C-alpha atoms as a PDB file:
ATOM      1  CA  UNK A   1      61.419 109.432  53.601  1.00  0.00           C
ATOM      2  CA  UNK A   2      63.420 112.259  52.432  1.00  0.00           C
ATOM      3  CA  UNK A   3      66.137 109.602  53.940  1.00  0.00           C
ATOM      4  CA  UNK A   4      64.433 106.958  52.031  1.00  0.00           C
ATOM      5  CA  UNK A   5      64.865 108.739  48.418  1.00  0.00           C
ATOM      6  CA  UNK A   6      68.137 109.644  49.487  1.00  0.00           C
ATOM      7  CA  UNK A   7      69.374 106.146  50.096  1.00  0.00           C
ATOM      8  CA  UNK A   8      67.796 105.102  46.822  1.00  0.00           C
ATOM      9  CA  UNK A   9      69.815 107.594  44.644  1.00  0.00           C
ATOM     10  CA  UNK A  10      72.906 106.957  46.446  1.00  0.00           C
ATOM     11  CA  UNK A  11      72.362 102.779  45.529  1.00  0.00           C
ATOM     12  CA  UNK A  12      71.676 103.912  41.873  1.00  0.00           C
ATOM     13  CA  UNK A  13      74.337 106.491  41.685  1.00  0.00           C
ATOM     14  CA  UNK A  14      76.945 103.880  43.203  1.00  0.00           C
ATOM     15  CA  UNK A  15      75.532 100.732  40.887  1.00  0.00           C
ATOM     16  CA  UNK A  16      76.697 102.946  38.035  1.00  0.00           C
ATOM     17  CA  UNK A  17      79.551 104.307  39.254  1.00  0.00           C
ATOM     18  CA  UNK A  18      81.659 100.999  38.752  1.00  0.00           C
ATOM     19  CA  UNK A  19      82.120 101.241  34.671  1.00  0.00           C
ATOM     20  CA  UNK A  20      83.754  99.111  33.183  1.00  0.00           C
ATOM     21  CA  UNK A  21      84.231  98.996  29.092  1.00  0.00           C
ATOM     22  CA  UNK A  22      83.097  95.711  27.068  1.00  0.00           C
ATOM     23  CA  UNK A  23      82.990  95.719  23.649  1.00  0.00           C
ATOM     24  CA  UNK A  24      80.464  94.357  21.058  1.00  0.00           C
ATOM     25  CA  UNK A  25      79.335  94.422  17.019  1.00  0.00           C
ATOM     26  CA  UNK A  26      76.861  95.797  15.256  1.00  0.00           C
ATOM     27  CA  UNK A  27      75.297  95.159  11.950  1.00  0.00           C
ATOM     28  CA  UNK A  28      75.469  98.013  10.280  1.00  0.00           C
ATOM     29  CA  UNK A  29      78.651  99.447  10.368  1.00  0.00           C
ATOM     30  CA  UNK A  30      80.497 102.170  12.265  1.00  0.00           C
ATOM     31  CA  UNK A  31      82.873 100.671  14.495  1.00  0.00           C
ATOM     32  CA  UNK A  32      82.722  98.383  17.657  1.00  0.00           C
ATOM     33  CA  UNK A  33      80.109  98.952  20.540  1.00  0.00           C
ATOM     34  CA  UNK A  34      81.100 100.220  23.466  1.00  0.00           C
ATOM     35  CA  UNK A  35      79.420  99.670  26.777  1.00  0.00           C
ATOM     36  CA  UNK A  36      81.127 101.550  29.816  1.00  0.00           C
ATOM     37  CA  UNK A  37      78.671 100.108  32.745  1.00  0.00           C
ATOM     38  CA  UNK A  38      79.012  97.071  34.591  1.00  0.00           C
ATOM     39  CA  UNK A  39      76.599  94.533  32.793  1.00  0.00           C
ATOM     40  CA  UNK A  40      73.486  93.072  33.910  1.00  0.00           C
ATOM     41  CA  UNK A  41      73.581  89.468  34.363  1.00  0.00           C
ATOM     42  CA  UNK A  42      71.723  87.056  32.713  1.00  0.00           C
ATOM     43  CA  UNK A  43      71.446  84.447  35.374  1.00  0.00           C
ATOM     44  CA  UNK A  44      68.381  83.019  36.093  1.00  0.00           C
ATOM     45  CA  UNK A  45      66.535  82.964  33.410  1.00  0.00           C
ATOM     46  CA  UNK A  46      63.389  80.199  33.793  1.00  0.00           C
ATOM     47  CA  UNK A  47      60.744  81.725  31.521  1.00  0.00           C
ATOM     48  CA  UNK A  48      58.403  79.402  30.189  1.00  0.00           C
ATOM     49  CA  UNK A  49      55.322  80.512  27.838  1.00  0.00           C
ATOM     50  CA  UNK A  50      52.464  78.249  28.767  1.00  0.00           C
ATOM     51  CA  UNK A  51      50.651  74.558  27.837  1.00  0.00           C
ATOM     52  CA  UNK A  52      50.485  74.942  24.359  1.00  0.00           C
ATOM     53  CA  UNK A  53      52.651  77.318  22.905  1.00  0.00           C
ATOM     54  CA  UNK A  54      55.306  77.111  20.567  1.00  0.00           C
ATOM     55  CA  UNK A  55      58.213  78.866  19.374  1.00  0.00           C
ATOM     56  CA  UNK A  56      58.140  79.830  15.996  1.00  0.00           C
ATOM     57  CA  UNK A  57      60.628  83.260  15.984  1.00  0.00           C
ATOM     58  CA  UNK A  58      63.048  84.056  18.209  1.00  0.00           C
ATOM     59  CA  UNK A  59      66.520  85.842  18.364  1.00  0.00           C
ATOM     60  CA  UNK A  60      68.865  85.083  21.415  1.00  0.00           C
ATOM     61  CA  UNK A  61      71.351  87.452  20.357  1.00  0.00           C
ATOM     62  CA  UNK A  62      74.051  84.784  20.393  1.00  0.00           C
ATOM     63  CA  UNK A  63      75.988  85.940  17.373  1.00  0.00           C
ATOM     64  CA  UNK A  64      78.738  88.286  16.925  1.00  0.00           C
ATOM     65  CA  UNK A  65      76.565  91.191  15.151  1.00  0.00           C
ATOM     66  CA  UNK A  66      72.910  91.937  14.865  1.00  0.00           C
ATOM     67  CA  UNK A  67      71.085  89.415  12.782  1.00  0.00           C
ATOM     68  CA  UNK A  68      69.726  91.537   9.776  1.00  0.00           C
ATOM     69  CA  UNK A  69      67.830  89.168   8.438  1.00  0.00           C
ATOM     70  CA  UNK A  70      65.700  89.505  11.056  1.00  0.00           C
ATOM     71  CA  UNK A  71      65.934  93.243  12.305  1.00  0.00           C
ATOM     72  CA  UNK A  72      66.592  96.718  10.347  1.00  0.00           C
ATOM     73  CA  UNK A  73      67.539  99.880  11.587  1.00  0.00           C
ATOM     74  CA  UNK A  74      64.518 102.375  11.614  1.00  0.00           C
ATOM     75  CA  UNK A  75      65.733 105.882  10.702  1.00  0.00           C
ATOM     76  CA  UNK A  76      64.848 108.969   8.929  1.00  0.00           C
ATOM     77  CA  UNK A  77      65.853 107.883   5.682  1.00  0.00           C
ATOM     78  CA  UNK A  78      63.798 104.454   6.495  1.00  0.00           C
ATOM     79  CA  UNK A  79      60.212 106.231   7.261  1.00  0.00           C
ATOM     80  CA  UNK A  80      60.902 107.138  11.284  1.00  0.00           C
ATOM     81  CA  UNK A  81      59.993 111.468  11.531  1.00  0.00           C
ATOM     82  CA  UNK A  82      61.505 113.274  14.717  1.00  0.00           C
ATOM     83  CA  UNK A  83      58.256 115.617  14.439  1.00  0.00           C
ATOM     84  CA  UNK A  84      55.762 112.248  15.664  1.00  0.00           C
ATOM     85  CA  UNK A  85      56.826 112.838  19.177  1.00  0.00           C
ATOM     86  CA  UNK A  86      59.181 116.061  19.240  1.00  0.00           C
ATOM     87  CA  UNK A  87      62.173 113.517  20.727  1.00  0.00           C
ATOM     88  CA  UNK A  88      65.427 114.520  20.457  1.00  0.00           C
ATOM     89  CA  UNK A  89      67.163 111.883  19.317  1.00  0.00           C
ATOM     90  CA  UNK A  90      68.617 111.028  16.096  1.00  0.00           C
ATOM     91  CA  UNK A  91      67.712 107.256  15.216  1.00  0.00           C
ATOM     92  CA  UNK A  92      71.190 106.362  13.049  1.00  0.00           C
ATOM     93  CA  UNK A  93      72.272 102.954  11.344  1.00  0.00           C
ATOM     94  CA  UNK A  94      75.542 102.965  13.153  1.00  0.00           C
ATOM     95  CA  UNK A  95      77.198 105.563  11.060  1.00  0.00           C
ATOM     96  CA  UNK A  96      76.663 108.165  13.038  1.00  0.00           C
ATOM     97  CA  UNK A  97      78.004 109.161  16.776  1.00  0.00           C
ATOM     98  CA  UNK A  98      79.100 106.282  17.147  1.00  0.00           C
ATOM     99  CA  UNK A  99      77.649 102.292  17.235  1.00  0.00           C
ATOM    100  CA  UNK A 100      73.800 103.054  18.904  1.00  0.00           C
ATOM    101  CA  UNK A 101      73.064  98.930  18.338  1.00  0.00           C
ATOM    102  CA  UNK A 102      75.443  96.298  18.713  1.00  0.00           C
ATOM    103  CA  UNK A 103      75.760  92.978  20.063  1.00  0.00           C
ATOM    104  CA  UNK A 104      77.886  92.231  23.322  1.00  0.00           C
ATOM    105  CA  UNK A 105      77.935  89.137  25.776  1.00  0.00           C
ATOM    106  CA  UNK A 106      75.038  87.483  24.001  1.00  0.00           C
ATOM    107  CA  UNK A 107      72.652  90.740  24.514  1.00  0.00           C
ATOM    108  CA  UNK A 108      71.357  93.015  22.212  1.00  0.00           C
ATOM    109  CA  UNK A 109      72.480  96.697  23.279  1.00  0.00           C
ATOM    110  CA  UNK A 110      70.728  99.661  22.526  1.00  0.00           C
ATOM    111  CA  UNK A 111      72.638 102.553  23.387  1.00  0.00           C
ATOM    112  CA  UNK A 112      71.679 106.548  23.551  1.00  0.00           C
ATOM    113  CA  UNK A 113      74.912 108.977  23.180  1.00  0.00           C
ATOM    114  CA  UNK A 114      74.990 112.366  23.656  1.00  0.00           C
ATOM    115  CA  UNK A 115      76.634 114.070  20.711  1.00  0.00           C
ATOM    116  CA  UNK A 116      76.025 118.213  21.819  1.00  0.00           C
ATOM    117  CA  UNK A 117      75.148 119.651  24.808  1.00  0.00           C
ATOM    118  CA  UNK A 118      72.217 122.224  22.775  1.00  0.00           C
ATOM    119  CA  UNK A 119      69.382 119.633  23.846  1.00  0.00           C
ATOM    120  CA  UNK A 120      67.722 120.022  20.990  1.00  0.00           C
ATOM    121  CA  UNK A 121      67.272 117.612  18.050  1.00  0.00           C
ATOM    122  CA  UNK A 122      70.469 115.947  17.069  1.00  0.00           C
ATOM    123  CA  UNK A 123      72.000 116.239  20.353  1.00  0.00           C
ATOM    124  CA  UNK A 124      71.783 112.555  20.680  1.00  0.00           C
ATOM    125  CA  UNK A 125      71.672 109.915  18.595  1.00  0.00           C
ATOM    126  CA  UNK A 126      70.369 106.305  19.519  1.00  0.00           C
ATOM    127  CA  UNK A 127      68.791 103.390  18.013  1.00  0.00           C
ATOM    128  CA  UNK A 128      65.392 101.358  16.877  1.00  0.00           C
ATOM    129  CA  UNK A 129      65.298  98.214  15.640  1.00  0.00           C
ATOM    130  CA  UNK A 130      62.771  96.844  13.892  1.00  0.00           C
ATOM    131  CA  UNK A 131      61.257  93.710  12.326  1.00  0.00           C
ATOM    132  CA  UNK A 132      58.996  95.426   9.333  1.00  0.00           C
ATOM    133  CA  UNK A 133      59.152  93.265   6.202  1.00  0.00           C
ATOM    134  CA  UNK A 134      61.130  90.363   7.594  1.00  0.00           C
ATOM    135  CA  UNK A 135      58.755  89.019  10.577  1.00  0.00           C
ATOM    136  CA  UNK A 136      55.271  89.447  11.370  1.00  0.00           C
ATOM    137  CA  UNK A 137      52.498  87.717  13.236  1.00  0.00           C
ATOM    138  CA  UNK A 138      48.985  87.467  13.978  1.00  0.00           C
ATOM    139  CA  UNK A 139      47.996  86.530  17.578  1.00  0.00           C
ATOM    140  CA  UNK A 140      50.360  84.451  19.819  1.00  0.00           C
ATOM    141  CA  UNK A 141      52.394  85.317  22.618  1.00  0.00           C
ATOM    142  CA  UNK A 142      55.367  87.892  22.697  1.00  0.00           C
ATOM    143  CA  UNK A 143      57.844  88.529  25.029  1.00  0.00           C
ATOM    144  CA  UNK A 144      60.939  89.608  25.657  1.00  0.00           C
ATOM    145  CA  UNK A 145      63.986  90.076  28.538  1.00  0.00           C
ATOM    146  CA  UNK A 146      65.357  93.224  29.143  1.00  0.00           C
ATOM    147  CA  UNK A 147      67.064  95.643  31.338  1.00  0.00           C
ATOM    148  CA  UNK A 148      66.015  99.591  31.475  1.00  0.00           C
ATOM    149  CA  UNK A 149      67.703 102.371  31.596  1.00  0.00           C
ATOM    150  CA  UNK A 150      67.192 105.746  33.825  1.00  0.00           C
ATOM    151  CA  UNK A 151      67.185 109.392  33.760  1.00  0.00           C
ATOM    152  CA  UNK A 152      65.043 112.232  33.035  1.00  0.00           C
ATOM    153  CA  UNK A 153      64.073 112.214  29.637  1.00  0.00           C
ATOM    154  CA  UNK A 154      64.785 108.497  28.490  1.00  0.00           C
ATOM    155  CA  UNK A 155      62.131 106.828  27.057  1.00  0.00           C
ATOM    156  CA  UNK A 156      62.720 103.143  26.045  1.00  0.00           C
ATOM    157  CA  UNK A 157      59.848 100.863  24.425  1.00  0.00           C
ATOM    158  CA  UNK A 158      59.250  97.165  23.464  1.00  0.00           C
ATOM    159  CA  UNK A 159      56.324  97.182  20.989  1.00  0.00           C
ATOM    160  CA  UNK A 160      54.504  96.428  17.964  1.00  0.00           C
ATOM    161  CA  UNK A 161      52.695  97.877  14.848  1.00  0.00           C
ATOM    162  CA  UNK A 162      50.224  96.480  12.361  1.00  0.00           C
ATOM    163  CA  UNK A 163      51.874  96.030   8.921  1.00  0.00           C
ATOM    164  CA  UNK A 164      50.044  98.510   7.216  1.00  0.00           C
ATOM    165  CA  UNK A 165      51.088 101.487   8.644  1.00  0.00           C
ATOM    166  CA  UNK A 166      48.540 104.325   8.529  1.00  0.00           C
ATOM    167  CA  UNK A 167      48.783 105.310  12.452  1.00  0.00           C
ATOM    168  CA  UNK A 168      46.518 105.082  14.330  1.00  0.00           C
ATOM    169  CA  UNK A 169      44.099 103.008  12.086  1.00  0.00           C
ATOM    170  CA  UNK A 170      47.116 100.152  11.887  1.00  0.00           C
ATOM    171  CA  UNK A 171      47.248 100.070  15.739  1.00  0.00           C
ATOM    172  CA  UNK A 172      49.919  99.725  18.254  1.00  0.00           C
ATOM    173  CA  UNK A 173      50.165  97.680  21.197  1.00  0.00           C
ATOM    174  CA  UNK A 174      52.653  98.769  23.584  1.00  0.00           C
ATOM    175  CA  UNK A 175      53.783  96.045  25.623  1.00  0.00           C
ATOM    176  CA  UNK A 176      56.303  97.954  27.661  1.00  0.00           C
ATOM    177  CA  UNK A 177      57.470 101.466  27.539  1.00  0.00           C
ATOM    178  CA  UNK A 178      59.112 103.179  30.667  1.00  0.00           C
ATOM    179  CA  UNK A 179      59.539 106.879  31.397  1.00  0.00           C
ATOM    180  CA  UNK A 180      63.131 107.257  32.955  1.00  0.00           C
ATOM    181  CA  UNK A 181      62.822 109.586  35.366  1.00  0.00           C
ATOM    182  CA  UNK A 182      60.463 106.599  37.061  1.00  0.00           C
ATOM    183  CA  UNK A 183      61.873 104.095  36.330  1.00  0.00           C
ATOM    184  CA  UNK A 184      60.794 101.397  38.549  1.00  0.00           C
ATOM    185  CA  UNK A 185      57.204 101.969  36.712  1.00  0.00           C
ATOM    186  CA  UNK A 186      56.159 100.599  33.045  1.00  0.00           C
ATOM    187  CA  UNK A 187      53.080 101.189  31.174  1.00  0.00           C
ATOM    188  CA  UNK A 188      51.332  98.827  28.794  1.00  0.00           C
ATOM    189  CA  UNK A 189      49.185 100.192  26.331  1.00  0.00           C
ATOM    190  CA  UNK A 190      46.940  99.779  23.236  1.00  0.00           C
ATOM    191  CA  UNK A 191      46.024 102.651  20.301  1.00  0.00           C
ATOM    192  CA  UNK A 192      43.442 102.427  17.527  1.00  0.00           C
ATOM    193  CA  UNK A 193      40.888 104.312  15.731  1.00  0.00           C
ATOM    194  CA  UNK A 194      37.864 104.776  16.128  1.00  0.00           C
ATOM    195  CA  UNK A 195      37.056 108.365  14.718  1.00  0.00           C
ATOM    196  CA  UNK A 196      40.097 109.501  15.444  1.00  0.00           C
ATOM    197  CA  UNK A 197      42.998 107.964  18.138  1.00  0.00           C
ATOM    198  CA  UNK A 198      41.707 106.041  21.056  1.00  0.00           C
ATOM    199  CA  UNK A 199      43.876 104.396  23.405  1.00  0.00           C
ATOM    200  CA  UNK A 200      43.843 102.268  26.595  1.00  0.00           C
ATOM    201  CA  UNK A 201      46.471 102.069  29.298  1.00  0.00           C
ATOM    202  CA  UNK A 202      47.420 101.242  32.573  1.00  0.00           C
ATOM    203  CA  UNK A 203      51.272 100.768  34.770  1.00  0.00           C
ATOM    204  CA  UNK A 204      52.446  98.772  37.564  1.00  0.00           C
ATOM    205  CA  UNK A 205      55.601  98.994  39.329  1.00  0.00           C
ATOM    206  CA  UNK A 206      58.676  96.784  39.617  1.00  0.00           C
ATOM    207  CA  UNK A 207      61.684  95.950  41.526  1.00  0.00           C
ATOM    208  CA  UNK A 208      65.364  96.788  40.749  1.00  0.00           C
ATOM    209  CA  UNK A 209      64.379  97.914  36.793  1.00  0.00           C
ATOM    210  CA  UNK A 210      68.564  98.127  35.871  1.00  0.00           C
ATOM    211  CA  UNK A 211      68.312  94.520  35.898  1.00  0.00           C
ATOM    212  CA  UNK A 212      66.383  91.832  33.856  1.00  0.00           C
ATOM    213  CA  UNK A 213      62.832  91.278  33.570  1.00  0.00           C
ATOM    214  CA  UNK A 214      60.080  89.680  31.397  1.00  0.00           C
ATOM    215  CA  UNK A 215      57.727  91.693  29.319  1.00  0.00           C
ATOM    216  CA  UNK A 216      55.239  90.009  27.554  1.00  0.00           C
ATOM    217  CA  UNK A 217      51.581  90.371  25.961  1.00  0.00           C
ATOM    218  CA  UNK A 218      49.047  87.209  25.127  1.00  0.00           C
ATOM    219  CA  UNK A 219      47.186  87.816  22.125  1.00  0.00           C
ATOM    220  CA  UNK A 220      44.211  85.808  20.880  1.00  0.00           C
ATOM    221  CA  UNK A 221      40.907  86.875  18.936  1.00  0.00           C
ATOM    222  CA  UNK A 222      39.228  88.485  21.475  1.00  0.00           C
ATOM    223  CA  UNK A 223      41.514  90.663  24.199  1.00  0.00           C
ATOM    224  CA  UNK A 224      45.027  91.289  24.491  1.00  0.00           C
ATOM    225  CA  UNK A 225      46.900  91.027  28.297  1.00  0.00           C
ATOM    226  CA  UNK A 226      50.568  92.300  28.992  1.00  0.00           C
ATOM    227  CA  UNK A 227      52.373  91.553  31.467  1.00  0.00           C
ATOM    228  CA  UNK A 228      56.137  91.765  33.476  1.00  0.00           C
ATOM    229  CA  UNK A 229      57.608  88.614  34.893  1.00  0.00           C
ATOM    230  CA  UNK A 230      54.197  87.100  34.592  1.00  0.00           C
ATOM    231  CA  UNK A 231      51.968  89.173  36.591  1.00  0.00           C
ATOM    232  CA  UNK A 232      49.727  90.296  33.527  1.00  0.00           C
ATOM    233  CA  UNK A 233      48.339  93.655  34.952  1.00  0.00           C
ATOM    234  CA  UNK A 234      46.210  94.884  31.974  1.00  0.00           C
ATOM    235  CA  UNK A 235      43.612  93.264  30.094  1.00  0.00           C
ATOM    236  CA  UNK A 236      41.986  94.711  26.910  1.00  0.00           C
ATOM    237  CA  UNK A 237      38.628  93.341  24.990  1.00  0.00           C
ATOM    238  CA  UNK A 238      39.280  93.456  20.886  1.00  0.00           C
ATOM    239  CA  UNK A 239      36.375  91.716  19.604  1.00  0.00           C
ATOM    240  CA  UNK A 240      33.418  94.610  18.305  1.00  0.00           C
ATOM    241  CA  UNK A 241      33.589  96.511  14.850  1.00  0.00           C
ATOM    242  CA  UNK A 242      35.684  98.973  16.329  1.00  0.00           C
ATOM    243  CA  UNK A 243      38.703  97.176  16.982  1.00  0.00           C
ATOM    244  CA  UNK A 244      39.511  95.735  13.507  1.00  0.00           C
ATOM    245  CA  UNK A 245      43.170  97.113  13.865  1.00  0.00           C
ATOM    246  CA  UNK A 246      44.202  94.238  16.456  1.00  0.00           C
ATOM    247  CA  UNK A 247      43.414  91.676  13.918  1.00  0.00           C
ATOM    248  CA  UNK A 248      45.916  91.919  11.653  1.00  0.00           C
ATOM    249  CA  UNK A 249      49.817  90.842  11.666  1.00  0.00           C
ATOM    250  CA  UNK A 250      51.964  92.905  13.658  1.00  0.00           C
ATOM    251  CA  UNK A 251      55.834  93.791  13.522  1.00  0.00           C
ATOM    252  CA  UNK A 252      58.329  93.998  16.192  1.00  0.00           C
ATOM    253  CA  UNK A 253      59.923  97.503  17.352  1.00  0.00           C
ATOM    254  CA  UNK A 254      62.915  98.017  20.493  1.00  0.00           C
ATOM    255  CA  UNK A 255      64.332 101.580  20.323  1.00  0.00           C
ATOM    256  CA  UNK A 256      65.536 103.609  22.901  1.00  0.00           C
ATOM    257  CA  UNK A 257      64.236 107.313  22.395  1.00  0.00           C
ATOM    258  CA  UNK A 258      65.183 110.517  24.498  1.00  0.00           C
ATOM    259  CA  UNK A 259      62.896 113.505  25.278  1.00  0.00           C
ATOM    260  CA  UNK A 260      59.308 113.898  23.851  1.00  0.00           C
ATOM    261  CA  UNK A 261      56.101 115.134  24.671  1.00  0.00           C
ATOM    262  CA  UNK A 262      54.978 112.317  26.968  1.00  0.00           C
ATOM    263  CA  UNK A 263      58.672 111.849  28.998  1.00  0.00           C
ATOM    264  CA  UNK A 264      60.117 114.850  29.098  1.00  0.00           C
ATOM    265  CA  UNK A 265      63.279 116.744  28.495  1.00  0.00           C
ATOM    266  CA  UNK A 266      67.155 115.571  29.450  1.00  0.00           C
ATOM    267  CA  UNK A 267      68.043 117.980  32.414  1.00  0.00           C
ATOM    268  CA  UNK A 268      71.352 118.333  34.728  1.00  0.00           C
ATOM    269  CA  UNK A 269      71.013 114.904  36.031  1.00  0.00           C
ATOM    270  CA  UNK A 270      70.217 112.903  33.103  1.00  0.00           C
ATOM    271  CA  UNK A 271      73.671 111.052  32.608  1.00  0.00           C
ATOM    272  CA  UNK A 272      74.480 109.403  29.131  1.00  0.00           C
ATOM    273  CA  UNK A 273      75.138 107.376  27.262  1.00  0.00           C
ATOM    274  CA  UNK A 274      71.954 105.467  28.752  1.00  0.00           C
ATOM    275  CA  UNK A 275      71.464 101.641  27.638  1.00  0.00           C
ATOM    276  CA  UNK A 276      68.747  99.289  27.272  1.00  0.00           C
ATOM    277  CA  UNK A 277      69.909  95.617  27.092  1.00  0.00           C
ATOM    278  CA  UNK A 278      68.112  93.004  25.389  1.00  0.00           C
ATOM    279  CA  UNK A 279      68.587  89.330  26.428  1.00  0.00           C
ATOM    280  CA  UNK A 280      66.125  87.779  24.108  1.00  0.00           C
ATOM    281  CA  UNK A 281      62.916  88.092  22.167  1.00  0.00           C
ATOM    282  CA  UNK A 282      60.575  84.804  21.367  1.00  0.00           C
ATOM    283  CA  UNK A 283      57.444  84.813  19.684  1.00  0.00           C
ATOM    284  CA  UNK A 284      54.800  81.786  20.404  1.00  0.00           C
ATOM    285  CA  UNK A 285      51.786  80.224  18.407  1.00  0.00           C
ATOM    286  CA  UNK A 286      49.187  77.615  19.794  1.00  0.00           C
END
């Protein structure tokens, strides 16, 4: 077992030691973003949403910069609070610490950057991209093709919140969360209010988390299903008077957090910068 763990560690180290510099453009200023590692391959994409579903919204990230008619940078100035989860990163609009979100090679890159060694709030910058006020939907199927980061204290997420944000009464659907110290495990979770915060979640294992996988949720008036690569490992009944949060429009979020109550905090083994790559995001309805 110890030999297997050593070989896995060596494999991950070898993959990331072959860094290349690839440039890309953001949509909020702050210069040109650079990816200092080998990009994941976007080949072998054969996703289909299933019978009867029609595409109503998407971003394929094929433009030269982030489409700000679809996305906004959520920062402290626009509503995010570090106190929510005791995270360490400062979410930027690409004006601080170098570009934290940009487009390169037909994919969105969210980049977590270490800016000092104190391992406290403002020691890292990253980005939180949202469609709030620009796109939301109620019921359908949502999918994103994402390659994940790794490392202690790293916390990427693809998720949704209700438009009328008063958490947890607004509801929350977490389509993909990962704790970087267990990079081959992803979580699906829902949150709601029923006389206080309630939640239900489970997880599944994936192979090669540093490569692209398709994370998706199918949301009807009766249930929410969450899956990866066509394997729906999570089902939650949303009928009944205590689940009204899940019957309203939701908007989309993509972010890469550093530290927090759940993932813990970076340590000496955590490598920076870290990257979350998004090949596309698509929403379908019947």
